[in-house]
Amino acid sequence: LDQVTTYEVTKLTDTGVAYDVTTT
């Protein structure tokens, strides 16, 4: 499979990151 993934940062802390993702 050929895969394209887009990430978007939704939250940042001093030690972490939260994100949303879309994939085809």
PDBML (XML) file of the C-alpha atoms, coordinates in Angstrom:
<?xml version="1.0" encoding="UTF-8" ?>
<PDBx:datablock datablockName="MODEL"
   xmlns:PDBx="http://pdbml.pdb.org/schema/pdbx-v50.xsd"
   xmlns:xsi="http://www.w3.org/2001/XMLSchema-instance"
   xsi:schemaLocation="http://pdbml.pdb.org/schema/pdbx-v50.xsd pdbx-v50.xsd">
   <PDBx:atom_siteCategory>
      <PDBx:atom_site id="1">
         <PDBx:B_iso_or_equiv>0.00</PDBx:B_iso_or_equiv>
         <PDBx:Cartn_x>0.000</PDBx:Cartn_x>
         <PDBx:Cartn_y>0.000</PDBx:Cartn_y>
         <PDBx:Cartn_z>0.000</PDBx:Cartn_z>
         <PDBx:auth_asym_id>A</PDBx:auth_asym_id>
         <PDBx:auth_atom_id>CA</PDBx:auth_atom_id>
         <PDBx:auth_comp_id>LEU</PDBx:auth_comp_id>
         <PDBx:auth_seq_id>1</PDBx:auth_seq_id>
         <PDBx:group_PDB>ATOM</PDBx:group_PDB>
         <PDBx:label_alt_id xsi:nil="true" />
         <PDBx:label_asym_id>A</PDBx:label_asym_id>
         <PDBx:label_atom_id>CA</PDBx:label_atom_id>
         <PDBx:label_comp_id>LEU</PDBx:label_comp_id>
         <PDBx:label_entity_id>1</PDBx:label_entity_id>
         <PDBx:label_seq_id>1</PDBx:label_seq_id>
         <PDBx:occupancy>1.00</PDBx:occupancy>
         <PDBx:pdbx_PDB_model_num>1</PDBx:pdbx_PDB_model_num>
         <PDBx:type_symbol>C</PDBx:type_symbol>
      </PDBx:atom_site>
      <PDBx:atom_site id="2">
         <PDBx:B_iso_or_equiv>0.00</PDBx:B_iso_or_equiv>
         <PDBx:Cartn_x>1.001</PDBx:Cartn_x>
         <PDBx:Cartn_y>3.603</PDBx:Cartn_y>
         <PDBx:Cartn_z>-0.621</PDBx:Cartn_z>
         <PDBx:auth_asym_id>A</PDBx:auth_asym_id>
         <PDBx:auth_atom_id>CA</PDBx:auth_atom_id>
         <PDBx:auth_comp_id>ASP</PDBx:auth_comp_id>
         <PDBx:auth_seq_id>2</PDBx:auth_seq_id>
         <PDBx:group_PDB>ATOM</PDBx:group_PDB>
         <PDBx:label_alt_id xsi:nil="true" />
         <PDBx:label_asym_id>A</PDBx:label_asym_id>
         <PDBx:label_atom_id>CA</PDBx:label_atom_id>
         <PDBx:label_comp_id>ASP</PDBx:label_comp_id>
         <PDBx:label_entity_id>1</PDBx:label_entity_id>
         <PDBx:label_seq_id>2</PDBx:label_seq_id>
         <PDBx:occupancy>1.00</PDBx:occupancy>
         <PDBx:pdbx_PDB_model_num>1</PDBx:pdbx_PDB_model_num>
         <PDBx:type_symbol>C</PDBx:type_symbol>
      </PDBx:atom_site>
      <PDBx:atom_site id="3">
         <PDBx:B_iso_or_equiv>0.00</PDBx:B_iso_or_equiv>
         <PDBx:Cartn_x>0.097</PDBx:Cartn_x>
         <PDBx:Cartn_y>5.630</PDBx:Cartn_y>
         <PDBx:Cartn_z>2.447</PDBx:Cartn_z>
         <PDBx:auth_asym_id>A</PDBx:auth_asym_id>
         <PDBx:auth_atom_id>CA</PDBx:auth_atom_id>
         <PDBx:auth_comp_id>GLN</PDBx:auth_comp_id>
         <PDBx:auth_seq_id>3</PDBx:auth_seq_id>
         <PDBx:group_PDB>ATOM</PDBx:group_PDB>
         <PDBx:label_alt_id xsi:nil="true" />
         <PDBx:label_asym_id>A</PDBx:label_asym_id>
         <PDBx:label_atom_id>CA</PDBx:label_atom_id>
         <PDBx:label_comp_id>GLN</PDBx:label_comp_id>
         <PDBx:label_entity_id>1</PDBx:label_entity_id>
         <PDBx:label_seq_id>3</PDBx:label_seq_id>
         <PDBx:occupancy>1.00</PDBx:occupancy>
         <PDBx:pdbx_PDB_model_num>1</PDBx:pdbx_PDB_model_num>
         <PDBx:type_symbol>C</PDBx:type_symbol>
      </PDBx:atom_site>
      <PDBx:atom_site id="4">
         <PDBx:B_iso_or_equiv>0.00</PDBx:B_iso_or_equiv>
         <PDBx:Cartn_x>-0.207</PDBx:Cartn_x>
         <PDBx:Cartn_y>9.387</PDBx:Cartn_y>
         <PDBx:Cartn_z>3.006</PDBx:Cartn_z>
         <PDBx:auth_asym_id>A</PDBx:auth_asym_id>
         <PDBx:auth_atom_id>CA</PDBx:auth_atom_id>
         <PDBx:auth_comp_id>VAL</PDBx:auth_comp_id>
         <PDBx:auth_seq_id>4</PDBx:auth_seq_id>
         <PDBx:group_PDB>ATOM</PDBx:group_PDB>
         <PDBx:label_alt_id xsi:nil="true" />
         <PDBx:label_asym_id>A</PDBx:label_asym_id>
         <PDBx:label_atom_id>CA</PDBx:label_atom_id>
         <PDBx:label_comp_id>VAL</PDBx:label_comp_id>
         <PDBx:label_entity_id>1</PDBx:label_entity_id>
         <PDBx:label_seq_id>4</PDBx:label_seq_id>
         <PDBx:occupancy>1.00</PDBx:occupancy>
         <PDBx:pdbx_PDB_model_num>1</PDBx:pdbx_PDB_model_num>
         <PDBx:type_symbol>C</PDBx:type_symbol>
      </PDBx:atom_site>
      <PDBx:atom_site id="5">
         <PDBx:B_iso_or_equiv>0.00</PDBx:B_iso_or_equiv>
         <PDBx:Cartn_x>-0.621</PDBx:Cartn_x>
         <PDBx:Cartn_y>10.564</PDBx:Cartn_y>
         <PDBx:Cartn_z>6.596</PDBx:Cartn_z>
         <PDBx:auth_asym_id>A</PDBx:auth_asym_id>
         <PDBx:auth_atom_id>CA</PDBx:auth_atom_id>
         <PDBx:auth_comp_id>THR</PDBx:auth_comp_id>
         <PDBx:auth_seq_id>5</PDBx:auth_seq_id>
         <PDBx:group_PDB>ATOM</PDBx:group_PDB>
         <PDBx:label_alt_id xsi:nil="true" />
         <PDBx:label_asym_id>A</PDBx:label_asym_id>
         <PDBx:label_atom_id>CA</PDBx:label_atom_id>
         <PDBx:label_comp_id>THR</PDBx:label_comp_id>
         <PDBx:label_entity_id>1</PDBx:label_entity_id>
         <PDBx:label_seq_id>5</PDBx:label_seq_id>
         <PDBx:occupancy>1.00</PDBx:occupancy>
         <PDBx:pdbx_PDB_model_num>1</PDBx:pdbx_PDB_model_num>
         <PDBx:type_symbol>C</PDBx:type_symbol>
      </PDBx:atom_site>
      <PDBx:atom_site id="6">
         <PDBx:B_iso_or_equiv>0.00</PDBx:B_iso_or_equiv>
         <PDBx:Cartn_x>-1.233</PDBx:Cartn_x>
         <PDBx:Cartn_y>14.134</PDBx:Cartn_y>
         <PDBx:Cartn_z>7.778</PDBx:Cartn_z>
         <PDBx:auth_asym_id>A</PDBx:auth_asym_id>
         <PDBx:auth_atom_id>CA</PDBx:auth_atom_id>
         <PDBx:auth_comp_id>THR</PDBx:auth_comp_id>
         <PDBx:auth_seq_id>6</PDBx:auth_seq_id>
         <PDBx:group_PDB>ATOM</PDBx:group_PDB>
         <PDBx:label_alt_id xsi:nil="true" />
         <PDBx:label_asym_id>A</PDBx:label_asym_id>
         <PDBx:label_atom_id>CA</PDBx:label_atom_id>
         <PDBx:label_comp_id>THR</PDBx:label_comp_id>
         <PDBx:label_entity_id>1</PDBx:label_entity_id>
         <PDBx:label_seq_id>6</PDBx:label_seq_id>
         <PDBx:occupancy>1.00</PDBx:occupancy>
         <PDBx:pdbx_PDB_model_num>1</PDBx:pdbx_PDB_model_num>
         <PDBx:type_symbol>C</PDBx:type_symbol>
      </PDBx:atom_site>
      <PDBx:atom_site id="7">
         <PDBx:B_iso_or_equiv>0.00</PDBx:B_iso_or_equiv>
         <PDBx:Cartn_x>-0.674</PDBx:Cartn_x>
         <PDBx:Cartn_y>15.051</PDBx:Cartn_y>
         <PDBx:Cartn_z>11.429</PDBx:Cartn_z>
         <PDBx:auth_asym_id>A</PDBx:auth_asym_id>
         <PDBx:auth_atom_id>CA</PDBx:auth_atom_id>
         <PDBx:auth_comp_id>TYR</PDBx:auth_comp_id>
         <PDBx:auth_seq_id>7</PDBx:auth_seq_id>
         <PDBx:group_PDB>ATOM</PDBx:group_PDB>
         <PDBx:label_alt_id xsi:nil="true" />
         <PDBx:label_asym_id>A</PDBx:label_asym_id>
         <PDBx:label_atom_id>CA</PDBx:label_atom_id>
         <PDBx:label_comp_id>TYR</PDBx:label_comp_id>
         <PDBx:label_entity_id>1</PDBx:label_entity_id>
         <PDBx:label_seq_id>7</PDBx:label_seq_id>
         <PDBx:occupancy>1.00</PDBx:occupancy>
         <PDBx:pdbx_PDB_model_num>1</PDBx:pdbx_PDB_model_num>
         <PDBx:type_symbol>C</PDBx:type_symbol>
      </PDBx:atom_site>
      <PDBx:atom_site id="8">
         <PDBx:B_iso_or_equiv>0.00</PDBx:B_iso_or_equiv>
         <PDBx:Cartn_x>-1.918</PDBx:Cartn_x>
         <PDBx:Cartn_y>18.158</PDBx:Cartn_y>
         <PDBx:Cartn_z>13.251</PDBx:Cartn_z>
         <PDBx:auth_asym_id>A</PDBx:auth_asym_id>
         <PDBx:auth_atom_id>CA</PDBx:auth_atom_id>
         <PDBx:auth_comp_id>GLU</PDBx:auth_comp_id>
         <PDBx:auth_seq_id>8</PDBx:auth_seq_id>
         <PDBx:group_PDB>ATOM</PDBx:group_PDB>
         <PDBx:label_alt_id xsi:nil="true" />
         <PDBx:label_asym_id>A</PDBx:label_asym_id>
         <PDBx:label_atom_id>CA</PDBx:label_atom_id>
         <PDBx:label_comp_id>GLU</PDBx:label_comp_id>
         <PDBx:label_entity_id>1</PDBx:label_entity_id>
         <PDBx:label_seq_id>8</PDBx:label_seq_id>
         <PDBx:occupancy>1.00</PDBx:occupancy>
         <PDBx:pdbx_PDB_model_num>1</PDBx:pdbx_PDB_model_num>
         <PDBx:type_symbol>C</PDBx:type_symbol>
      </PDBx:atom_site>
      <PDBx:atom_site id="9">
         <PDBx:B_iso_or_equiv>0.00</PDBx:B_iso_or_equiv>
         <PDBx:Cartn_x>-0.764</PDBx:Cartn_x>
         <PDBx:Cartn_y>19.147</PDBx:Cartn_y>
         <PDBx:Cartn_z>16.736</PDBx:Cartn_z>
         <PDBx:auth_asym_id>A</PDBx:auth_asym_id>
         <PDBx:auth_atom_id>CA</PDBx:auth_atom_id>
         <PDBx:auth_comp_id>VAL</PDBx:auth_comp_id>
         <PDBx:auth_seq_id>9</PDBx:auth_seq_id>
         <PDBx:group_PDB>ATOM</PDBx:group_PDB>
         <PDBx:label_alt_id xsi:nil="true" />
         <PDBx:label_asym_id>A</PDBx:label_asym_id>
         <PDBx:label_atom_id>CA</PDBx:label_atom_id>
         <PDBx:label_comp_id>VAL</PDBx:label_comp_id>
         <PDBx:label_entity_id>1</PDBx:label_entity_id>
         <PDBx:label_seq_id>9</PDBx:label_seq_id>
         <PDBx:occupancy>1.00</PDBx:occupancy>
         <PDBx:pdbx_PDB_model_num>1</PDBx:pdbx_PDB_model_num>
         <PDBx:type_symbol>C</PDBx:type_symbol>
      </PDBx:atom_site>
      <PDBx:atom_site id="10">
         <PDBx:B_iso_or_equiv>0.00</PDBx:B_iso_or_equiv>
         <PDBx:Cartn_x>-3.746</PDBx:Cartn_x>
         <PDBx:Cartn_y>19.715</PDBx:Cartn_y>
         <PDBx:Cartn_z>19.049</PDBx:Cartn_z>
         <PDBx:auth_asym_id>A</PDBx:auth_asym_id>
         <PDBx:auth_atom_id>CA</PDBx:auth_atom_id>
         <PDBx:auth_comp_id>THR</PDBx:auth_comp_id>
         <PDBx:auth_seq_id>10</PDBx:auth_seq_id>
         <PDBx:group_PDB>ATOM</PDBx:group_PDB>
         <PDBx:label_alt_id xsi:nil="true" />
         <PDBx:label_asym_id>A</PDBx:label_asym_id>
         <PDBx:label_atom_id>CA</PDBx:label_atom_id>
         <PDBx:label_comp_id>THR</PDBx:label_comp_id>
         <PDBx:label_entity_id>1</PDBx:label_entity_id>
         <PDBx:label_seq_id>10</PDBx:label_seq_id>
         <PDBx:occupancy>1.00</PDBx:occupancy>
         <PDBx:pdbx_PDB_model_num>1</PDBx:pdbx_PDB_model_num>
         <PDBx:type_symbol>C</PDBx:type_symbol>
      </PDBx:atom_site>
      <PDBx:atom_site id="11">
         <PDBx:B_iso_or_equiv>0.00</PDBx:B_iso_or_equiv>
         <PDBx:Cartn_x>-1.947</PDBx:Cartn_x>
         <PDBx:Cartn_y>20.196</PDBx:Cartn_y>
         <PDBx:Cartn_z>22.380</PDBx:Cartn_z>
         <PDBx:auth_asym_id>A</PDBx:auth_asym_id>
         <PDBx:auth_atom_id>CA</PDBx:auth_atom_id>
         <PDBx:auth_comp_id>LYS</PDBx:auth_comp_id>
         <PDBx:auth_seq_id>11</PDBx:auth_seq_id>
         <PDBx:group_PDB>ATOM</PDBx:group_PDB>
         <PDBx:label_alt_id xsi:nil="true" />
         <PDBx:label_asym_id>A</PDBx:label_asym_id>
         <PDBx:label_atom_id>CA</PDBx:label_atom_id>
         <PDBx:label_comp_id>LYS</PDBx:label_comp_id>
         <PDBx:label_entity_id>1</PDBx:label_entity_id>
         <PDBx:label_seq_id>11</PDBx:label_seq_id>
         <PDBx:occupancy>1.00</PDBx:occupancy>
         <PDBx:pdbx_PDB_model_num>1</PDBx:pdbx_PDB_model_num>
         <PDBx:type_symbol>C</PDBx:type_symbol>
      </PDBx:atom_site>
      <PDBx:atom_site id="12">
         <PDBx:B_iso_or_equiv>0.00</PDBx:B_iso_or_equiv>
         <PDBx:Cartn_x>1.584</PDBx:Cartn_x>
         <PDBx:Cartn_y>20.715</PDBx:Cartn_y>
         <PDBx:Cartn_z>23.672</PDBx:Cartn_z>
         <PDBx:auth_asym_id>A</PDBx:auth_asym_id>
         <PDBx:auth_atom_id>CA</PDBx:auth_atom_id>
         <PDBx:auth_comp_id>LEU</PDBx:auth_comp_id>
         <PDBx:auth_seq_id>12</PDBx:auth_seq_id>
         <PDBx:group_PDB>ATOM</PDBx:group_PDB>
         <PDBx:label_alt_id xsi:nil="true" />
         <PDBx:label_asym_id>A</PDBx:label_asym_id>
         <PDBx:label_atom_id>CA</PDBx:label_atom_id>
         <PDBx:label_comp_id>LEU</PDBx:label_comp_id>
         <PDBx:label_entity_id>1</PDBx:label_entity_id>
         <PDBx:label_seq_id>12</PDBx:label_seq_id>
         <PDBx:occupancy>1.00</PDBx:occupancy>
         <PDBx:pdbx_PDB_model_num>1</PDBx:pdbx_PDB_model_num>
         <PDBx:type_symbol>C</PDBx:type_symbol>
      </PDBx:atom_site>
      <PDBx:atom_site id="13">
         <PDBx:B_iso_or_equiv>0.00</PDBx:B_iso_or_equiv>
         <PDBx:Cartn_x>2.917</PDBx:Cartn_x>
         <PDBx:Cartn_y>20.296</PDBx:Cartn_y>
         <PDBx:Cartn_z>27.202</PDBx:Cartn_z>
         <PDBx:auth_asym_id>A</PDBx:auth_asym_id>
         <PDBx:auth_atom_id>CA</PDBx:auth_atom_id>
         <PDBx:auth_comp_id>THR</PDBx:auth_comp_id>
         <PDBx:auth_seq_id>13</PDBx:auth_seq_id>
         <PDBx:group_PDB>ATOM</PDBx:group_PDB>
         <PDBx:label_alt_id xsi:nil="true" />
         <PDBx:label_asym_id>A</PDBx:label_asym_id>
         <PDBx:label_atom_id>CA</PDBx:label_atom_id>
         <PDBx:label_comp_id>THR</PDBx:label_comp_id>
         <PDBx:label_entity_id>1</PDBx:label_entity_id>
         <PDBx:label_seq_id>13</PDBx:label_seq_id>
         <PDBx:occupancy>1.00</PDBx:occupancy>
         <PDBx:pdbx_PDB_model_num>1</PDBx:pdbx_PDB_model_num>
         <PDBx:type_symbol>C</PDBx:type_symbol>
      </PDBx:atom_site>
      <PDBx:atom_site id="14">
         <PDBx:B_iso_or_equiv>0.00</PDBx:B_iso_or_equiv>
         <PDBx:Cartn_x>6.443</PDBx:Cartn_x>
         <PDBx:Cartn_y>20.553</PDBx:Cartn_y>
         <PDBx:Cartn_z>28.579</PDBx:Cartn_z>
         <PDBx:auth_asym_id>A</PDBx:auth_asym_id>
         <PDBx:auth_atom_id>CA</PDBx:auth_atom_id>
         <PDBx:auth_comp_id>ASP</PDBx:auth_comp_id>
         <PDBx:auth_seq_id>14</PDBx:auth_seq_id>
         <PDBx:group_PDB>ATOM</PDBx:group_PDB>
         <PDBx:label_alt_id xsi:nil="true" />
         <PDBx:label_asym_id>A</PDBx:label_asym_id>
         <PDBx:label_atom_id>CA</PDBx:label_atom_id>
         <PDBx:label_comp_id>ASP</PDBx:label_comp_id>
         <PDBx:label_entity_id>1</PDBx:label_entity_id>
         <PDBx:label_seq_id>14</PDBx:label_seq_id>
         <PDBx:occupancy>1.00</PDBx:occupancy>
         <PDBx:pdbx_PDB_model_num>1</PDBx:pdbx_PDB_model_num>
         <PDBx:type_symbol>C</PDBx:type_symbol>
      </PDBx:atom_site>
      <PDBx:atom_site id="15">
         <PDBx:B_iso_or_equiv>0.00</PDBx:B_iso_or_equiv>
         <PDBx:Cartn_x>6.962</PDBx:Cartn_x>
         <PDBx:Cartn_y>16.828</PDBx:Cartn_y>
         <PDBx:Cartn_z>27.930</PDBx:Cartn_z>
         <PDBx:auth_asym_id>A</PDBx:auth_asym_id>
         <PDBx:auth_atom_id>CA</PDBx:auth_atom_id>
         <PDBx:auth_comp_id>THR</PDBx:auth_comp_id>
         <PDBx:auth_seq_id>15</PDBx:auth_seq_id>
         <PDBx:group_PDB>ATOM</PDBx:group_PDB>
         <PDBx:label_alt_id xsi:nil="true" />
         <PDBx:label_asym_id>A</PDBx:label_asym_id>
         <PDBx:label_atom_id>CA</PDBx:label_atom_id>
         <PDBx:label_comp_id>THR</PDBx:label_comp_id>
         <PDBx:label_entity_id>1</PDBx:label_entity_id>
         <PDBx:label_seq_id>15</PDBx:label_seq_id>
         <PDBx:occupancy>1.00</PDBx:occupancy>
         <PDBx:pdbx_PDB_model_num>1</PDBx:pdbx_PDB_model_num>
         <PDBx:type_symbol>C</PDBx:type_symbol>
      </PDBx:atom_site>
      <PDBx:atom_site id="16">
         <PDBx:B_iso_or_equiv>0.00</PDBx:B_iso_or_equiv>
         <PDBx:Cartn_x>4.361</PDBx:Cartn_x>
         <PDBx:Cartn_y>15.726</PDBx:Cartn_y>
         <PDBx:Cartn_z>25.392</PDBx:Cartn_z>
         <PDBx:auth_asym_id>A</PDBx:auth_asym_id>
         <PDBx:auth_atom_id>CA</PDBx:auth_atom_id>
         <PDBx:auth_comp_id>GLY</PDBx:auth_comp_id>
         <PDBx:auth_seq_id>16</PDBx:auth_seq_id>
         <PDBx:group_PDB>ATOM</PDBx:group_PDB>
         <PDBx:label_alt_id xsi:nil="true" />
         <PDBx:label_asym_id>A</PDBx:label_asym_id>
         <PDBx:label_atom_id>CA</PDBx:label_atom_id>
         <PDBx:label_comp_id>GLY</PDBx:label_comp_id>
         <PDBx:label_entity_id>1</PDBx:label_entity_id>
         <PDBx:label_seq_id>16</PDBx:label_seq_id>
         <PDBx:occupancy>1.00</PDBx:occupancy>
         <PDBx:pdbx_PDB_model_num>1</PDBx:pdbx_PDB_model_num>
         <PDBx:type_symbol>C</PDBx:type_symbol>
      </PDBx:atom_site>
      <PDBx:atom_site id="17">
         <PDBx:B_iso_or_equiv>0.00</PDBx:B_iso_or_equiv>
         <PDBx:Cartn_x>2.284</PDBx:Cartn_x>
         <PDBx:Cartn_y>16.317</PDBx:Cartn_y>
         <PDBx:Cartn_z>22.323</PDBx:Cartn_z>
         <PDBx:auth_asym_id>A</PDBx:auth_asym_id>
         <PDBx:auth_atom_id>CA</PDBx:auth_atom_id>
         <PDBx:auth_comp_id>VAL</PDBx:auth_comp_id>
         <PDBx:auth_seq_id>17</PDBx:auth_seq_id>
         <PDBx:group_PDB>ATOM</PDBx:group_PDB>
         <PDBx:label_alt_id xsi:nil="true" />
         <PDBx:label_asym_id>A</PDBx:label_asym_id>
         <PDBx:label_atom_id>CA</PDBx:label_atom_id>
         <PDBx:label_comp_id>VAL</PDBx:label_comp_id>
         <PDBx:label_entity_id>1</PDBx:label_entity_id>
         <PDBx:label_seq_id>17</PDBx:label_seq_id>
         <PDBx:occupancy>1.00</PDBx:occupancy>
         <PDBx:pdbx_PDB_model_num>1</PDBx:pdbx_PDB_model_num>
         <PDBx:type_symbol>C</PDBx:type_symbol>
      </PDBx:atom_site>
      <PDBx:atom_site id="18">
         <PDBx:B_iso_or_equiv>0.00</PDBx:B_iso_or_equiv>
         <PDBx:Cartn_x>-1.271</PDBx:Cartn_x>
         <PDBx:Cartn_y>15.387</PDBx:Cartn_y>
         <PDBx:Cartn_z>21.307</PDBx:Cartn_z>
         <PDBx:auth_asym_id>A</PDBx:auth_asym_id>
         <PDBx:auth_atom_id>CA</PDBx:auth_atom_id>
         <PDBx:auth_comp_id>ALA</PDBx:auth_comp_id>
         <PDBx:auth_seq_id>18</PDBx:auth_seq_id>
         <PDBx:group_PDB>ATOM</PDBx:group_PDB>
         <PDBx:label_alt_id xsi:nil="true" />
         <PDBx:label_asym_id>A</PDBx:label_asym_id>
         <PDBx:label_atom_id>CA</PDBx:label_atom_id>
         <PDBx:label_comp_id>ALA</PDBx:label_comp_id>
         <PDBx:label_entity_id>1</PDBx:label_entity_id>
         <PDBx:label_seq_id>18</PDBx:label_seq_id>
         <PDBx:occupancy>1.00</PDBx:occupancy>
         <PDBx:pdbx_PDB_model_num>1</PDBx:pdbx_PDB_model_num>
         <PDBx:type_symbol>C</PDBx:type_symbol>
      </PDBx:atom_site>
      <PDBx:atom_site id="19">
         <PDBx:B_iso_or_equiv>0.00</PDBx:B_iso_or_equiv>
         <PDBx:Cartn_x>-2.289</PDBx:Cartn_x>
         <PDBx:Cartn_y>15.196</PDBx:Cartn_y>
         <PDBx:Cartn_z>17.672</PDBx:Cartn_z>
         <PDBx:auth_asym_id>A</PDBx:auth_asym_id>
         <PDBx:auth_atom_id>CA</PDBx:auth_atom_id>
         <PDBx:auth_comp_id>TYR</PDBx:auth_comp_id>
         <PDBx:auth_seq_id>19</PDBx:auth_seq_id>
         <PDBx:group_PDB>ATOM</PDBx:group_PDB>
         <PDBx:label_alt_id xsi:nil="true" />
         <PDBx:label_asym_id>A</PDBx:label_asym_id>
         <PDBx:label_atom_id>CA</PDBx:label_atom_id>
         <PDBx:label_comp_id>TYR</PDBx:label_comp_id>
         <PDBx:label_entity_id>1</PDBx:label_entity_id>
         <PDBx:label_seq_id>19</PDBx:label_seq_id>
         <PDBx:occupancy>1.00</PDBx:occupancy>
         <PDBx:pdbx_PDB_model_num>1</PDBx:pdbx_PDB_model_num>
         <PDBx:type_symbol>C</PDBx:type_symbol>
      </PDBx:atom_site>
      <PDBx:atom_site id="20">
         <PDBx:B_iso_or_equiv>0.00</PDBx:B_iso_or_equiv>
         <PDBx:Cartn_x>-5.034</PDBx:Cartn_x>
         <PDBx:Cartn_y>14.371</PDBx:Cartn_y>
         <PDBx:Cartn_z>15.184</PDBx:Cartn_z>
         <PDBx:auth_asym_id>A</PDBx:auth_asym_id>
         <PDBx:auth_atom_id>CA</PDBx:auth_atom_id>
         <PDBx:auth_comp_id>ASP</PDBx:auth_comp_id>
         <PDBx:auth_seq_id>20</PDBx:auth_seq_id>
         <PDBx:group_PDB>ATOM</PDBx:group_PDB>
         <PDBx:label_alt_id xsi:nil="true" />
         <PDBx:label_asym_id>A</PDBx:label_asym_id>
         <PDBx:label_atom_id>CA</PDBx:label_atom_id>
         <PDBx:label_comp_id>ASP</PDBx:label_comp_id>
         <PDBx:label_entity_id>1</PDBx:label_entity_id>
         <PDBx:label_seq_id>20</PDBx:label_seq_id>
         <PDBx:occupancy>1.00</PDBx:occupancy>
         <PDBx:pdbx_PDB_model_num>1</PDBx:pdbx_PDB_model_num>
         <PDBx:type_symbol>C</PDBx:type_symbol>
      </PDBx:atom_site>
      <PDBx:atom_site id="21">
         <PDBx:B_iso_or_equiv>0.00</PDBx:B_iso_or_equiv>
         <PDBx:Cartn_x>-4.268</PDBx:Cartn_x>
         <PDBx:Cartn_y>12.330</PDBx:Cartn_y>
         <PDBx:Cartn_z>12.091</PDBx:Cartn_z>
         <PDBx:auth_asym_id>A</PDBx:auth_asym_id>
         <PDBx:auth_atom_id>CA</PDBx:auth_atom_id>
         <PDBx:auth_comp_id>VAL</PDBx:auth_comp_id>
         <PDBx:auth_seq_id>21</PDBx:auth_seq_id>
         <PDBx:group_PDB>ATOM</PDBx:group_PDB>
         <PDBx:label_alt_id xsi:nil="true" />
         <PDBx:label_asym_id>A</PDBx:label_asym_id>
         <PDBx:label_atom_id>CA</PDBx:label_atom_id>
         <PDBx:label_comp_id>VAL</PDBx:label_comp_id>
         <PDBx:label_entity_id>1</PDBx:label_entity_id>
         <PDBx:label_seq_id>21</PDBx:label_seq_id>
         <PDBx:occupancy>1.00</PDBx:occupancy>
         <PDBx:pdbx_PDB_model_num>1</PDBx:pdbx_PDB_model_num>
         <PDBx:type_symbol>C</PDBx:type_symbol>
      </PDBx:atom_site>
      <PDBx:atom_site id="22">
         <PDBx:B_iso_or_equiv>0.00</PDBx:B_iso_or_equiv>
         <PDBx:Cartn_x>-5.811</PDBx:Cartn_x>
         <PDBx:Cartn_y>11.608</PDBx:Cartn_y>
         <PDBx:Cartn_z>8.695</PDBx:Cartn_z>
         <PDBx:auth_asym_id>A</PDBx:auth_asym_id>
         <PDBx:auth_atom_id>CA</PDBx:auth_atom_id>
         <PDBx:auth_comp_id>THR</PDBx:auth_comp_id>
         <PDBx:auth_seq_id>22</PDBx:auth_seq_id>
         <PDBx:group_PDB>ATOM</PDBx:group_PDB>
         <PDBx:label_alt_id xsi:nil="true" />
         <PDBx:label_asym_id>A</PDBx:label_asym_id>
         <PDBx:label_atom_id>CA</PDBx:label_atom_id>
         <PDBx:label_comp_id>THR</PDBx:label_comp_id>
         <PDBx:label_entity_id>1</PDBx:label_entity_id>
         <PDBx:label_seq_id>22</PDBx:label_seq_id>
         <PDBx:occupancy>1.00</PDBx:occupancy>
         <PDBx:pdbx_PDB_model_num>1</PDBx:pdbx_PDB_model_num>
         <PDBx:type_symbol>C</PDBx:type_symbol>
      </PDBx:atom_site>
      <PDBx:atom_site id="23">
         <PDBx:B_iso_or_equiv>0.00</PDBx:B_iso_or_equiv>
         <PDBx:Cartn_x>-4.619</PDBx:Cartn_x>
         <PDBx:Cartn_y>8.738</PDBx:Cartn_y>
         <PDBx:Cartn_z>6.518</PDBx:Cartn_z>
         <PDBx:auth_asym_id>A</PDBx:auth_asym_id>
         <PDBx:auth_atom_id>CA</PDBx:auth_atom_id>
         <PDBx:auth_comp_id>THR</PDBx:auth_comp_id>
         <PDBx:auth_seq_id>23</PDBx:auth_seq_id>
         <PDBx:group_PDB>ATOM</PDBx:group_PDB>
         <PDBx:label_alt_id xsi:nil="true" />
         <PDBx:label_asym_id>A</PDBx:label_asym_id>
         <PDBx:label_atom_id>CA</PDBx:label_atom_id>
         <PDBx:label_comp_id>THR</PDBx:label_comp_id>
         <PDBx:label_entity_id>1</PDBx:label_entity_id>
         <PDBx:label_seq_id>23</PDBx:label_seq_id>
         <PDBx:occupancy>1.00</PDBx:occupancy>
         <PDBx:pdbx_PDB_model_num>1</PDBx:pdbx_PDB_model_num>
         <PDBx:type_symbol>C</PDBx:type_symbol>
      </PDBx:atom_site>
      <PDBx:atom_site id="24">
         <PDBx:B_iso_or_equiv>0.00</PDBx:B_iso_or_equiv>
         <PDBx:Cartn_x>-5.233</PDBx:Cartn_x>
         <PDBx:Cartn_y>7.520</PDBx:Cartn_y>
         <PDBx:Cartn_z>2.983</PDBx:Cartn_z>
         <PDBx:auth_asym_id>A</PDBx:auth_asym_id>
         <PDBx:auth_atom_id>CA</PDBx:auth_atom_id>
         <PDBx:auth_comp_id>THR</PDBx:auth_comp_id>
         <PDBx:auth_seq_id>24</PDBx:auth_seq_id>
         <PDBx:group_PDB>ATOM</PDBx:group_PDB>
         <PDBx:label_alt_id xsi:nil="true" />
         <PDBx:label_asym_id>A</PDBx:label_asym_id>
         <PDBx:label_atom_id>CA</PDBx:label_atom_id>
         <PDBx:label_comp_id>THR</PDBx:label_comp_id>
         <PDBx:label_entity_id>1</PDBx:label_entity_id>
         <PDBx:label_seq_id>24</PDBx:label_seq_id>
         <PDBx:occupancy>1.00</PDBx:occupancy>
         <PDBx:pdbx_PDB_model_num>1</PDBx:pdbx_PDB_model_num>
         <PDBx:type_symbol>C</PDBx:type_symbol>
      </PDBx:atom_site>
   </PDBx:atom_siteCategory>
</PDBx:datablock>
